């Protein structure tokens, strides 16, 4: 039985190219940074975590919520086969129990903050807004998209960002957790406008304040799907 079954829907993904040296201290043992066309990325993602069941059980008042995370990409060589995965620098949710389970059982970096979201469907577009409150200030991911789903192209940056099917967690300098995430290949909505306003220093500290001065390499909206998260193993 999968540890967790749910849906990840309406994933607004804002992607930045960064100096890989910034991420080295976060790289779990047994993995290495994963590059696309020689570029190292971090992604800032807001989405809806819905219909959550843990070990087949629906937890009252904790089955549907927003999440915002900052992640980067690694790979792990397992019996001659490269596994591609993500490492999370920070994950924000509005429910304390979600943070407790993720931090306790998966050694993740969850924190609990006030959050809200809005979805507006207009005649020719969709508008997705995710917000979270830090020190009385609301941060906002706000993208407008076309209404027609399109494929994520093979060998594209969007494919690189979305097609990582493992999570890796740095327990300490010598130990790493690996867990598998399953989902079908996603489609996307093309983003026509990005009005996001994020206080990177306020949310992530001085180390990541520089992102505020960068232009995203891409912004897109992955439609999402049902997903599973399998039980962890130690590398």
C-alpha atoms as a PDB file:
ATOM      1  CA  UNK A   1       0.000   0.000   0.000  1.00  0.00           C
ATOM      2  CA  UNK A   2       1.244   3.490  -0.868  1.00  0.00           C
ATOM      3  CA  UNK A   3       2.099   5.697   2.114  1.00  0.00           C
ATOM      4  CA  UNK A   4       0.020   8.522   0.638  1.00  0.00           C
ATOM      5  CA  UNK A   5      -2.485   8.876  -2.201  1.00  0.00           C
ATOM      6  CA  UNK A   6      -3.746  12.270  -3.322  1.00  0.00           C
ATOM      7  CA  UNK A   7      -4.077  14.689  -6.218  1.00  0.00           C
ATOM      8  CA  UNK A   8      -1.661  17.475  -7.097  1.00  0.00           C
ATOM      9  CA  UNK A   9      -3.599  20.022  -9.124  1.00  0.00           C
ATOM     10  CA  UNK A  10      -2.934  23.387 -10.794  1.00  0.00           C
ATOM     11  CA  UNK A  11       0.812  23.515 -10.182  1.00  0.00           C
ATOM     12  CA  UNK A  12       2.089  27.042 -10.888  1.00  0.00           C
ATOM     13  CA  UNK A  13       5.814  26.592 -11.516  1.00  0.00           C
ATOM     14  CA  UNK A  14       8.241  29.537 -11.554  1.00  0.00           C
ATOM     15  CA  UNK A  15      11.745  28.423 -12.496  1.00  0.00           C
ATOM     16  CA  UNK A  16      15.126  30.122 -12.066  1.00  0.00           C
ATOM     17  CA  UNK A  17      18.658  29.308 -13.183  1.00  0.00           C
ATOM     18  CA  UNK A  18      21.074  29.578 -10.239  1.00  0.00           C
ATOM     19  CA  UNK A  19      24.748  29.048  -9.442  1.00  0.00           C
ATOM     20  CA  UNK A  20      25.057  25.365  -8.449  1.00  0.00           C
ATOM     21  CA  UNK A  21      27.493  26.239  -5.663  1.00  0.00           C
ATOM     22  CA  UNK A  22      24.605  27.788  -3.731  1.00  0.00           C
ATOM     23  CA  UNK A  23      22.886  24.404  -3.520  1.00  0.00           C
ATOM     24  CA  UNK A  24      25.827  22.120  -2.781  1.00  0.00           C
ATOM     25  CA  UNK A  25      25.325  22.106   0.981  1.00  0.00           C
ATOM     26  CA  UNK A  26      21.729  20.928   0.508  1.00  0.00           C
ATOM     27  CA  UNK A  27      22.631  17.988  -1.782  1.00  0.00           C
ATOM     28  CA  UNK A  28      21.911  14.672   0.009  1.00  0.00           C
ATOM     29  CA  UNK A  29      24.654  12.053   0.204  1.00  0.00           C
ATOM     30  CA  UNK A  30      24.405   9.602  -2.685  1.00  0.00           C
ATOM     31  CA  UNK A  31      22.970  12.177  -5.074  1.00  0.00           C
ATOM     32  CA  UNK A  32      24.391  14.891  -7.317  1.00  0.00           C
ATOM     33  CA  UNK A  33      22.906  17.998  -8.888  1.00  0.00           C
ATOM     34  CA  UNK A  34      20.879  17.351 -12.026  1.00  0.00           C
ATOM     35  CA  UNK A  35      21.331  19.796 -14.910  1.00  0.00           C
ATOM     36  CA  UNK A  36      19.341  20.550 -18.056  1.00  0.00           C
ATOM     37  CA  UNK A  37      21.415  21.868 -20.967  1.00  0.00           C
ATOM     38  CA  UNK A  38      24.141  22.729 -18.469  1.00  0.00           C
ATOM     39  CA  UNK A  39      21.790  24.798 -16.307  1.00  0.00           C
ATOM     40  CA  UNK A  40      21.041  24.343 -12.614  1.00  0.00           C
ATOM     41  CA  UNK A  41      17.487  25.195 -11.538  1.00  0.00           C
ATOM     42  CA  UNK A  42      15.400  25.975  -8.514  1.00  0.00           C
ATOM     43  CA  UNK A  43      11.624  25.988  -8.842  1.00  0.00           C
ATOM     44  CA  UNK A  44       9.108  27.882  -6.813  1.00  0.00           C
ATOM     45  CA  UNK A  45       5.783  26.006  -6.926  1.00  0.00           C
ATOM     46  CA  UNK A  46       2.264  26.678  -5.657  1.00  0.00           C
ATOM     47  CA  UNK A  47      -0.429  24.025  -6.009  1.00  0.00           C
ATOM     48  CA  UNK A  48      -3.459  22.297  -4.511  1.00  0.00           C
ATOM     49  CA  UNK A  49      -2.885  19.114  -2.504  1.00  0.00           C
ATOM     50  CA  UNK A  50      -6.296  17.400  -2.625  1.00  0.00           C
ATOM     51  CA  UNK A  51      -8.128  14.177  -1.694  1.00  0.00           C
ATOM     52  CA  UNK A  52      -5.307  13.143   0.629  1.00  0.00           C
ATOM     53  CA  UNK A  53      -5.331   9.670   2.157  1.00  0.00           C
ATOM     54  CA  UNK A  54      -2.528   8.432   4.417  1.00  0.00           C
ATOM     55  CA  UNK A  55      -2.268   4.626   4.431  1.00  0.00           C
ATOM     56  CA  UNK A  56      -5.737   4.585   2.879  1.00  0.00           C
ATOM     57  CA  UNK A  57      -7.279   6.742   5.598  1.00  0.00           C
ATOM     58  CA  UNK A  58      -8.849  10.153   4.988  1.00  0.00           C
ATOM     59  CA  UNK A  59      -7.863  12.541   7.783  1.00  0.00           C
ATOM     60  CA  UNK A  60     -10.752  14.900   8.720  1.00  0.00           C
ATOM     61  CA  UNK A  61     -10.124  18.568   7.771  1.00  0.00           C
ATOM     62  CA  UNK A  62      -6.727  17.632   6.261  1.00  0.00           C
ATOM     63  CA  UNK A  63      -7.621  16.225   2.860  1.00  0.00           C
ATOM     64  CA  UNK A  64      -7.532  19.452   0.806  1.00  0.00           C
ATOM     65  CA  UNK A  65      -5.073  22.325   1.222  1.00  0.00           C
ATOM     66  CA  UNK A  66      -2.589  24.597  -0.513  1.00  0.00           C
ATOM     67  CA  UNK A  67       1.161  24.035  -0.651  1.00  0.00           C
ATOM     68  CA  UNK A  68       4.032  26.271  -1.750  1.00  0.00           C
ATOM     69  CA  UNK A  69       7.542  24.870  -2.020  1.00  0.00           C
ATOM     70  CA  UNK A  70      11.051  25.748  -3.156  1.00  0.00           C
ATOM     71  CA  UNK A  71      12.943  22.820  -4.657  1.00  0.00           C
ATOM     72  CA  UNK A  72      15.926  21.854  -6.797  1.00  0.00           C
ATOM     73  CA  UNK A  73      16.890  18.798  -8.836  1.00  0.00           C
ATOM     74  CA  UNK A  74      19.254  15.891  -8.249  1.00  0.00           C
ATOM     75  CA  UNK A  75      19.933  12.414  -9.577  1.00  0.00           C
ATOM     76  CA  UNK A  76      21.005   9.144  -7.945  1.00  0.00           C
ATOM     77  CA  UNK A  77      22.774   6.234  -9.650  1.00  0.00           C
ATOM     78  CA  UNK A  78      21.091   2.974  -8.621  1.00  0.00           C
ATOM     79  CA  UNK A  79      22.477  -0.265 -10.123  1.00  0.00           C
ATOM     80  CA  UNK A  80      23.604   1.530 -13.257  1.00  0.00           C
ATOM     81  CA  UNK A  81      20.329   3.447 -13.723  1.00  0.00           C
ATOM     82  CA  UNK A  82      19.958   7.161 -13.018  1.00  0.00           C
ATOM     83  CA  UNK A  83      16.973   8.107 -10.876  1.00  0.00           C
ATOM     84  CA  UNK A  84      15.965  11.764 -11.162  1.00  0.00           C
ATOM     85  CA  UNK A  85      14.495  13.467  -8.134  1.00  0.00           C
ATOM     86  CA  UNK A  86      13.806  16.680  -6.247  1.00  0.00           C
ATOM     87  CA  UNK A  87      15.117  18.057  -2.958  1.00  0.00           C
ATOM     88  CA  UNK A  88      12.924  20.480  -1.027  1.00  0.00           C
ATOM     89  CA  UNK A  89      14.481  23.490   0.636  1.00  0.00           C
ATOM     90  CA  UNK A  90      11.163  24.588   2.093  1.00  0.00           C
ATOM     91  CA  UNK A  91       7.522  23.476   2.009  1.00  0.00           C
ATOM     92  CA  UNK A  92       4.691  25.628   3.315  1.00  0.00           C
ATOM     93  CA  UNK A  93       1.196  24.336   4.179  1.00  0.00           C
ATOM     94  CA  UNK A  94      -1.712  25.749   6.233  1.00  0.00           C
ATOM     95  CA  UNK A  95      -2.257  22.670   8.425  1.00  0.00           C
ATOM     96  CA  UNK A  96       0.004  21.901  11.382  1.00  0.00           C
ATOM     97  CA  UNK A  97      -0.740  18.167  11.284  1.00  0.00           C
ATOM     98  CA  UNK A  98       0.538  17.954   7.702  1.00  0.00           C
ATOM     99  CA  UNK A  99       3.811  19.577   8.738  1.00  0.00           C
ATOM    100  CA  UNK A 100       4.106  17.253  11.722  1.00  0.00           C
ATOM    101  CA  UNK A 101       3.629  14.058   9.665  1.00  0.00           C
ATOM    102  CA  UNK A 102       5.980  15.157   6.856  1.00  0.00           C
ATOM    103  CA  UNK A 103       8.713  16.380   9.201  1.00  0.00           C
ATOM    104  CA  UNK A 104       8.443  13.391  11.535  1.00  0.00           C
ATOM    105  CA  UNK A 105       8.217  10.539   9.022  1.00  0.00           C
ATOM    106  CA  UNK A 106      10.091  11.983   6.026  1.00  0.00           C
ATOM    107  CA  UNK A 107      12.470  14.503   7.629  1.00  0.00           C
ATOM    108  CA  UNK A 108      11.110  17.186   5.307  1.00  0.00           C
ATOM    109  CA  UNK A 109      11.277  20.958   5.840  1.00  0.00           C
ATOM    110  CA  UNK A 110       7.600  21.831   6.272  1.00  0.00           C
ATOM    111  CA  UNK A 111       6.315  24.895   8.064  1.00  0.00           C
ATOM    112  CA  UNK A 112       2.758  25.966   8.807  1.00  0.00           C
ATOM    113  CA  UNK A 113       1.542  29.421   7.768  1.00  0.00           C
ATOM    114  CA  UNK A 114      -1.813  31.059   6.943  1.00  0.00           C
ATOM    115  CA  UNK A 115      -2.645  30.349   3.293  1.00  0.00           C
ATOM    116  CA  UNK A 116      -5.422  30.876   0.766  1.00  0.00           C
ATOM    117  CA  UNK A 117      -6.017  30.455  -2.954  1.00  0.00           C
ATOM    118  CA  UNK A 118      -8.310  31.690  -5.719  1.00  0.00           C
ATOM    119  CA  UNK A 119      -9.178  30.243  -9.115  1.00  0.00           C
ATOM    120  CA  UNK A 120     -10.973  32.434 -11.646  1.00  0.00           C
ATOM    121  CA  UNK A 121     -12.157  30.993 -14.962  1.00  0.00           C
ATOM    122  CA  UNK A 122     -12.897  33.631 -17.584  1.00  0.00           C
ATOM    123  CA  UNK A 123     -14.067  33.376 -21.183  1.00  0.00           C
ATOM    124  CA  UNK A 124     -10.571  33.072 -22.645  1.00  0.00           C
ATOM    125  CA  UNK A 125      -8.293  32.528 -19.653  1.00  0.00           C
ATOM    126  CA  UNK A 126      -7.757  31.055 -16.202  1.00  0.00           C
ATOM    127  CA  UNK A 127      -6.306  32.897 -13.218  1.00  0.00           C
ATOM    128  CA  UNK A 128      -4.513  31.045 -10.402  1.00  0.00           C
ATOM    129  CA  UNK A 129      -3.588  32.776  -7.136  1.00  0.00           C
ATOM    130  CA  UNK A 130      -1.786  31.190  -4.160  1.00  0.00           C
ATOM    131  CA  UNK A 131      -1.048  33.289  -1.073  1.00  0.00           C
ATOM    132  CA  UNK A 132       0.732  32.728   2.234  1.00  0.00           C
ATOM    133  CA  UNK A 133       1.313  35.100   5.141  1.00  0.00           C
ATOM    134  CA  UNK A 134       4.740  35.773   6.676  1.00  0.00           C
ATOM    135  CA  UNK A 135       5.136  38.428   9.410  1.00  0.00           C
ATOM    136  CA  UNK A 136       1.773  40.007   8.547  1.00  0.00           C
ATOM    137  CA  UNK A 137       2.671  40.279   4.848  1.00  0.00           C
ATOM    138  CA  UNK A 138       0.943  38.268   2.144  1.00  0.00           C
ATOM    139  CA  UNK A 139       3.147  36.698  -0.538  1.00  0.00           C
ATOM    140  CA  UNK A 140       1.466  35.845  -3.827  1.00  0.00           C
ATOM    141  CA  UNK A 141       1.919  33.479  -6.748  1.00  0.00           C
ATOM    142  CA  UNK A 142      -0.396  34.929  -9.396  1.00  0.00           C
ATOM    143  CA  UNK A 143      -0.449  33.613 -12.962  1.00  0.00           C
ATOM    144  CA  UNK A 144      -2.914  33.947 -15.832  1.00  0.00           C
ATOM    145  CA  UNK A 145      -3.073  31.187 -18.440  1.00  0.00           C
ATOM    146  CA  UNK A 146      -4.749  30.150 -21.655  1.00  0.00           C
ATOM    147  CA  UNK A 147      -7.730  27.825 -21.236  1.00  0.00           C
ATOM    148  CA  UNK A 148      -6.643  25.135 -23.678  1.00  0.00           C
ATOM    149  CA  UNK A 149      -4.405  22.340 -22.337  1.00  0.00           C
ATOM    150  CA  UNK A 150      -1.257  21.637 -24.339  1.00  0.00           C
ATOM    151  CA  UNK A 151       1.343  18.900 -24.154  1.00  0.00           C
ATOM    152  CA  UNK A 152       4.626  19.261 -22.312  1.00  0.00           C
ATOM    153  CA  UNK A 153       7.126  18.777 -25.112  1.00  0.00           C
ATOM    154  CA  UNK A 154       9.758  16.056 -25.061  1.00  0.00           C
ATOM    155  CA  UNK A 155      13.277  17.283 -24.189  1.00  0.00           C
ATOM    156  CA  UNK A 156      11.918  20.669 -23.066  1.00  0.00           C
ATOM    157  CA  UNK A 157      12.728  22.592 -19.902  1.00  0.00           C
ATOM    158  CA  UNK A 158       9.156  21.976 -18.721  1.00  0.00           C
ATOM    159  CA  UNK A 159       9.674  18.226 -19.126  1.00  0.00           C
ATOM    160  CA  UNK A 160      12.869  18.429 -17.079  1.00  0.00           C
ATOM    161  CA  UNK A 161      11.076  20.319 -14.303  1.00  0.00           C
ATOM    162  CA  UNK A 162       8.061  17.978 -14.122  1.00  0.00           C
ATOM    163  CA  UNK A 163       9.594  14.570 -14.856  1.00  0.00           C
ATOM    164  CA  UNK A 164      11.408  13.930 -11.563  1.00  0.00           C
ATOM    165  CA  UNK A 165       9.839  10.929  -9.878  1.00  0.00           C
ATOM    166  CA  UNK A 166      11.807  10.621  -6.651  1.00  0.00           C
ATOM    167  CA  UNK A 167      12.236  12.730  -3.549  1.00  0.00           C
ATOM    168  CA  UNK A 168      15.540  12.862  -1.678  1.00  0.00           C
ATOM    169  CA  UNK A 169      15.908  14.138   1.861  1.00  0.00           C
ATOM    170  CA  UNK A 170      19.183  14.949   3.588  1.00  0.00           C
ATOM    171  CA  UNK A 171      18.913  13.415   7.071  1.00  0.00           C
ATOM    172  CA  UNK A 172      22.485  14.385   7.935  1.00  0.00           C
ATOM    173  CA  UNK A 173      25.861  14.459   6.189  1.00  0.00           C
ATOM    174  CA  UNK A 174      25.960  10.666   5.873  1.00  0.00           C
ATOM    175  CA  UNK A 175      22.332   9.567   5.510  1.00  0.00           C
ATOM    176  CA  UNK A 176      19.650  10.126   2.867  1.00  0.00           C
ATOM    177  CA  UNK A 177      16.001   9.132   2.532  1.00  0.00           C
ATOM    178  CA  UNK A 178      14.606   8.255  -0.898  1.00  0.00           C
ATOM    179  CA  UNK A 179      10.909   7.984  -1.749  1.00  0.00           C
ATOM    180  CA  UNK A 180       9.152   7.504  -5.065  1.00  0.00           C
ATOM    181  CA  UNK A 181       6.405   9.750  -6.420  1.00  0.00           C
ATOM    182  CA  UNK A 182       4.163   8.315  -9.149  1.00  0.00           C
ATOM    183  CA  UNK A 183       1.938  10.187 -11.568  1.00  0.00           C
ATOM    184  CA  UNK A 184       1.171  10.146 -15.306  1.00  0.00           C
ATOM    185  CA  UNK A 185       2.796  12.589 -17.689  1.00  0.00           C
ATOM    186  CA  UNK A 186       1.171  15.986 -17.171  1.00  0.00           C
ATOM    187  CA  UNK A 187      -0.264  18.534 -19.575  1.00  0.00           C
ATOM    188  CA  UNK A 188       0.094  22.278 -19.088  1.00  0.00           C
ATOM    189  CA  UNK A 189      -1.658  25.607 -19.540  1.00  0.00           C
ATOM    190  CA  UNK A 190       0.525  28.239 -21.191  1.00  0.00           C
ATOM    191  CA  UNK A 191       1.105  31.198 -18.862  1.00  0.00           C
ATOM    192  CA  UNK A 192       0.324  34.549 -20.467  1.00  0.00           C
ATOM    193  CA  UNK A 193       0.969  36.764 -17.440  1.00  0.00           C
ATOM    194  CA  UNK A 194       2.930  36.414 -14.205  1.00  0.00           C
ATOM    195  CA  UNK A 195       2.039  38.922 -11.470  1.00  0.00           C
ATOM    196  CA  UNK A 196       3.646  37.045  -8.569  1.00  0.00           C
ATOM    197  CA  UNK A 197       5.012  39.055  -5.644  1.00  0.00           C
ATOM    198  CA  UNK A 198       7.301  37.130  -3.297  1.00  0.00           C
ATOM    199  CA  UNK A 199       9.511  38.408  -0.493  1.00  0.00           C
ATOM    200  CA  UNK A 200      12.261  35.823  -0.977  1.00  0.00           C
ATOM    201  CA  UNK A 201      14.372  37.132   1.884  1.00  0.00           C
ATOM    202  CA  UNK A 202      11.407  37.315   4.236  1.00  0.00           C
ATOM    203  CA  UNK A 203      10.287  33.785   3.394  1.00  0.00           C
ATOM    204  CA  UNK A 204      13.604  31.984   2.815  1.00  0.00           C
ATOM    205  CA  UNK A 205      16.219  34.178   4.493  1.00  0.00           C
ATOM    206  CA  UNK A 206      19.204  36.148   3.213  1.00  0.00           C
ATOM    207  CA  UNK A 207      20.682  33.115   1.440  1.00  0.00           C
ATOM    208  CA  UNK A 208      17.915  33.171  -1.165  1.00  0.00           C
ATOM    209  CA  UNK A 209      17.213  36.905  -1.263  1.00  0.00           C
ATOM    210  CA  UNK A 210      19.091  37.129  -4.603  1.00  0.00           C
ATOM    211  CA  UNK A 211      16.244  35.336  -6.410  1.00  0.00           C
ATOM    212  CA  UNK A 212      14.230  38.557  -6.205  1.00  0.00           C
ATOM    213  CA  UNK A 213      16.672  40.089  -8.703  1.00  0.00           C
ATOM    214  CA  UNK A 214      16.428  37.235 -11.220  1.00  0.00           C
ATOM    215  CA  UNK A 215      14.118  36.865 -14.183  1.00  0.00           C
ATOM    216  CA  UNK A 216      12.456  33.443 -14.331  1.00  0.00           C
ATOM    217  CA  UNK A 217      13.707  31.202 -17.120  1.00  0.00           C
ATOM    218  CA  UNK A 218      10.133  29.947 -17.467  1.00  0.00           C
ATOM    219  CA  UNK A 219       6.699  30.063 -15.856  1.00  0.00           C
ATOM    220  CA  UNK A 220       4.056  27.463 -16.636  1.00  0.00           C
ATOM    221  CA  UNK A 221       1.003  25.802 -15.088  1.00  0.00           C
ATOM    222  CA  UNK A 222       1.075  22.006 -14.912  1.00  0.00           C
ATOM    223  CA  UNK A 223      -2.489  20.716 -14.750  1.00  0.00           C
ATOM    224  CA  UNK A 224      -1.603  17.864 -12.397  1.00  0.00           C
ATOM    225  CA  UNK A 225      -3.202  14.502 -11.634  1.00  0.00           C
ATOM    226  CA  UNK A 226      -3.603  11.766  -9.076  1.00  0.00           C
ATOM    227  CA  UNK A 227      -0.297  10.925  -7.378  1.00  0.00           C
ATOM    228  CA  UNK A 228       1.118   8.454  -4.897  1.00  0.00           C
ATOM    229  CA  UNK A 229       4.000   8.829  -2.478  1.00  0.00           C
ATOM    230  CA  UNK A 230       5.597   5.501  -1.605  1.00  0.00           C
ATOM    231  CA  UNK A 231       7.224   4.602   1.681  1.00  0.00           C
ATOM    232  CA  UNK A 232      10.747   5.892   2.228  1.00  0.00           C
ATOM    233  CA  UNK A 233      13.981   3.922   2.229  1.00  0.00           C
ATOM    234  CA  UNK A 234      17.455   4.855   3.432  1.00  0.00           C
ATOM    235  CA  UNK A 235      20.169   4.933   0.787  1.00  0.00           C
END
